[in-house]
Amino acid sequence: MARLIELLPEAPVMTARTVQRMLELPFPSARAAVDELADAGMVTRRQIERGTTGYLATEVFDLLTLAERRFASTRWDTGQSDPIRPVPARPQRR
């Protein structure tokens, strides 16, 4: 599972099949690894299509969103100075 955690910044959206390919694991092991991350709250499960579950590292997306908001402000804080271009909404607290 540690190898999978290291890949979250590179692949914040994955399925058991993508984990299988990235880590060269048998499918049952890949599925167990992402389910373990989901049970630990590190990724969120989302139904992508019938029979396929996606796993999203929402904290990675939150970090990217916050960075994007800071880069859009002349004071590095959209709360202190309005953004100079469109920015994504603030991440919702979980």
C-alpha atoms as a PDB file:
ATOM      1  CA  MET A   1       0.000   0.000   0.000  1.00  0.00           C
ATOM      2  CA  ALA A   2       2.919   2.389   0.629  1.00  0.00           C
ATOM      3  CA  ARG A   3       3.849   2.280  -3.069  1.00  0.00           C
ATOM      4  CA  LEU A   4       0.287   3.215  -3.963  1.00  0.00           C
ATOM      5  CA  ILE A   5       0.249   6.147  -1.523  1.00  0.00           C
ATOM      6  CA  GLU A   6       3.400   7.503  -3.186  1.00  0.00           C
ATOM      7  CA  LEU A   7       1.582   7.509  -6.540  1.00  0.00           C
ATOM      8  CA  LEU A   8      -1.395   9.599  -5.375  1.00  0.00           C
ATOM      9  CA  PRO A   9       0.091  12.976  -6.444  1.00  0.00           C
ATOM     10  CA  GLU A  10       0.820  11.530  -9.912  1.00  0.00           C
ATOM     11  CA  ALA A  11      -2.478   9.695 -10.273  1.00  0.00           C
ATOM     12  CA  PRO A  12      -5.126  11.326  -8.074  1.00  0.00           C
ATOM     13  CA  VAL A  13      -7.857   9.463 -10.011  1.00  0.00           C
ATOM     14  CA  MET A  14      -7.538   5.720 -10.424  1.00  0.00           C
ATOM     15  CA  THR A  15      -9.371   2.452 -10.740  1.00  0.00           C
ATOM     16  CA  ALA A  16      -8.309  -0.982  -9.590  1.00  0.00           C
ATOM     17  CA  ARG A  17      -7.290  -1.697 -13.209  1.00  0.00           C
ATOM     18  CA  THR A  18      -5.020   1.355 -13.363  1.00  0.00           C
ATOM     19  CA  VAL A  19      -3.432   0.343 -10.053  1.00  0.00           C
ATOM     20  CA  GLN A  20      -2.982  -3.145 -11.435  1.00  0.00           C
ATOM     21  CA  ARG A  21      -1.069  -1.740 -14.432  1.00  0.00           C
ATOM     22  CA  MET A  22       0.921   0.879 -12.486  1.00  0.00           C
ATOM     23  CA  LEU A  23       2.125  -1.506  -9.790  1.00  0.00           C
ATOM     24  CA  GLU A  24       2.099  -4.704 -11.855  1.00  0.00           C
ATOM     25  CA  LEU A  25      -0.142  -6.479  -9.355  1.00  0.00           C
ATOM     26  CA  PRO A  26      -2.785  -9.135  -9.797  1.00  0.00           C
ATOM     27  CA  PHE A  27      -6.248  -7.534 -10.016  1.00  0.00           C
ATOM     28  CA  PRO A  28      -7.458  -8.830  -6.609  1.00  0.00           C
ATOM     29  CA  SER A  29      -4.391  -7.316  -4.909  1.00  0.00           C
ATOM     30  CA  ALA A  30      -4.856  -3.990  -6.707  1.00  0.00           C
ATOM     31  CA  ARG A  31      -8.529  -3.881  -5.742  1.00  0.00           C
ATOM     32  CA  ALA A  32      -7.678  -4.706  -2.116  1.00  0.00           C
ATOM     33  CA  ALA A  33      -5.056  -1.924  -2.051  1.00  0.00           C
ATOM     34  CA  VAL A  34      -7.398   0.822  -3.280  1.00  0.00           C
ATOM     35  CA  ASP A  35     -10.197  -0.437  -1.042  1.00  0.00           C
ATOM     36  CA  GLU A  36      -7.814  -0.233   1.909  1.00  0.00           C
ATOM     37  CA  LEU A  37      -6.995   3.391   1.019  1.00  0.00           C
ATOM     38  CA  ALA A  38     -10.712   4.150   0.736  1.00  0.00           C
ATOM     39  CA  ASP A  39     -11.457   2.520   4.089  1.00  0.00           C
ATOM     40  CA  ALA A  40      -8.685   4.628   5.632  1.00  0.00           C
ATOM     41  CA  GLY A  41     -10.232   7.803   4.158  1.00  0.00           C
ATOM     42  CA  MET A  42      -7.290   8.586   1.867  1.00  0.00           C
ATOM     43  CA  VAL A  43      -9.346   8.252  -1.314  1.00  0.00           C
ATOM     44  CA  THR A  44     -13.052   8.541  -2.042  1.00  0.00           C
ATOM     45  CA  ARG A  45     -14.989   5.946  -4.008  1.00  0.00           C
ATOM     46  CA  ARG A  46     -17.050   7.115  -7.002  1.00  0.00           C
ATOM     47  CA  GLN A  47     -19.048   4.968  -9.388  1.00  0.00           C
ATOM     48  CA  ILE A  48     -17.670   5.710 -12.869  1.00  0.00           C
ATOM     49  CA  GLU A  49     -19.725   3.315 -14.910  1.00  0.00           C
ATOM     50  CA  ARG A  50     -21.515   0.066 -14.368  1.00  0.00           C
ATOM     51  CA  GLY A  51     -19.072  -2.280 -12.674  1.00  0.00           C
ATOM     52  CA  THR A  52     -16.239   0.264 -12.415  1.00  0.00           C
ATOM     53  CA  THR A  53     -15.359   2.178  -9.277  1.00  0.00           C
ATOM     54  CA  GLY A  54     -13.076   5.179  -9.417  1.00  0.00           C
ATOM     55  CA  TYR A  55     -10.985   6.282  -6.471  1.00  0.00           C
ATOM     56  CA  LEU A  56     -10.238   9.993  -6.054  1.00  0.00           C
ATOM     57  CA  ALA A  57      -7.525  11.514  -3.876  1.00  0.00           C
ATOM     58  CA  THR A  58      -9.613  14.554  -2.977  1.00  0.00           C
ATOM     59  CA  GLU A  59      -6.910  16.080  -0.782  1.00  0.00           C
ATOM     60  CA  VAL A  60      -4.600  16.257  -3.802  1.00  0.00           C
ATOM     61  CA  PHE A  61      -7.309  18.113  -5.729  1.00  0.00           C
ATOM     62  CA  ASP A  62      -7.898  20.414  -2.741  1.00  0.00           C
ATOM     63  CA  LEU A  63      -4.195  21.260  -2.619  1.00  0.00           C
ATOM     64  CA  LEU A  64      -4.162  22.061  -6.343  1.00  0.00           C
ATOM     65  CA  THR A  65      -7.275  24.215  -5.968  1.00  0.00           C
ATOM     66  CA  LEU A  66      -5.787  26.190  -3.086  1.00  0.00           C
ATOM     67  CA  ALA A  67      -2.538  26.715  -4.986  1.00  0.00           C
ATOM     68  CA  GLU A  68      -4.460  27.895  -8.056  1.00  0.00           C
ATOM     69  CA  ARG A  69      -6.376  30.384  -5.916  1.00  0.00           C
ATOM     70  CA  ARG A  70      -3.166  31.740  -4.352  1.00  0.00           C
ATOM     71  CA  PHE A  71      -1.456  32.160  -7.733  1.00  0.00           C
ATOM     72  CA  ALA A  72      -4.435  34.212  -8.955  1.00  0.00           C
ATOM     73  CA  SER A  73      -4.096  36.825  -6.201  1.00  0.00           C
ATOM     74  CA  THR A  74      -1.551  39.629  -6.100  1.00  0.00           C
ATOM     75  CA  ARG A  75      -1.258  39.068  -2.333  1.00  0.00           C
ATOM     76  CA  TRP A  76      -1.219  35.257  -2.511  1.00  0.00           C
ATOM     77  CA  ASP A  77      -4.577  35.204  -0.733  1.00  0.00           C
ATOM     78  CA  THR A  78      -7.901  35.636  -2.525  1.00  0.00           C
ATOM     79  CA  GLY A  79      -9.393  36.638   0.821  1.00  0.00           C
ATOM     80  CA  GLN A  80      -7.137  39.730   0.955  1.00  0.00           C
ATOM     81  CA  SER A  81      -7.132  40.686  -2.708  1.00  0.00           C
ATOM     82  CA  ASP A  82      -9.539  39.632  -5.426  1.00  0.00           C
ATOM     83  CA  PRO A  83      -8.257  37.131  -7.955  1.00  0.00           C
ATOM     84  CA  ILE A  84      -6.973  38.641 -11.186  1.00  0.00           C
ATOM     85  CA  ARG A  85      -8.460  35.765 -13.229  1.00  0.00           C
ATOM     86  CA  PRO A  86     -11.120  33.094 -12.790  1.00  0.00           C
ATOM     87  CA  VAL A  87     -10.374  30.593 -10.037  1.00  0.00           C
ATOM     88  CA  PRO A  88     -12.018  27.402  -8.808  1.00  0.00           C
ATOM     89  CA  ALA A  89     -14.257  27.505  -5.749  1.00  0.00           C
ATOM     90  CA  ARG A  90     -12.692  26.871  -2.369  1.00  0.00           C
ATOM     91  CA  PRO A  91     -12.618  23.205  -1.382  1.00  0.00           C
ATOM     92  CA  GLN A  92     -15.504  22.173   0.847  1.00  0.00           C
ATOM     93  CA  ARG A  93     -14.637  21.083   4.368  1.00  0.00           C
ATOM     94  CA  ARG A  94     -15.225  17.388   4.905  1.00  0.00           C
END
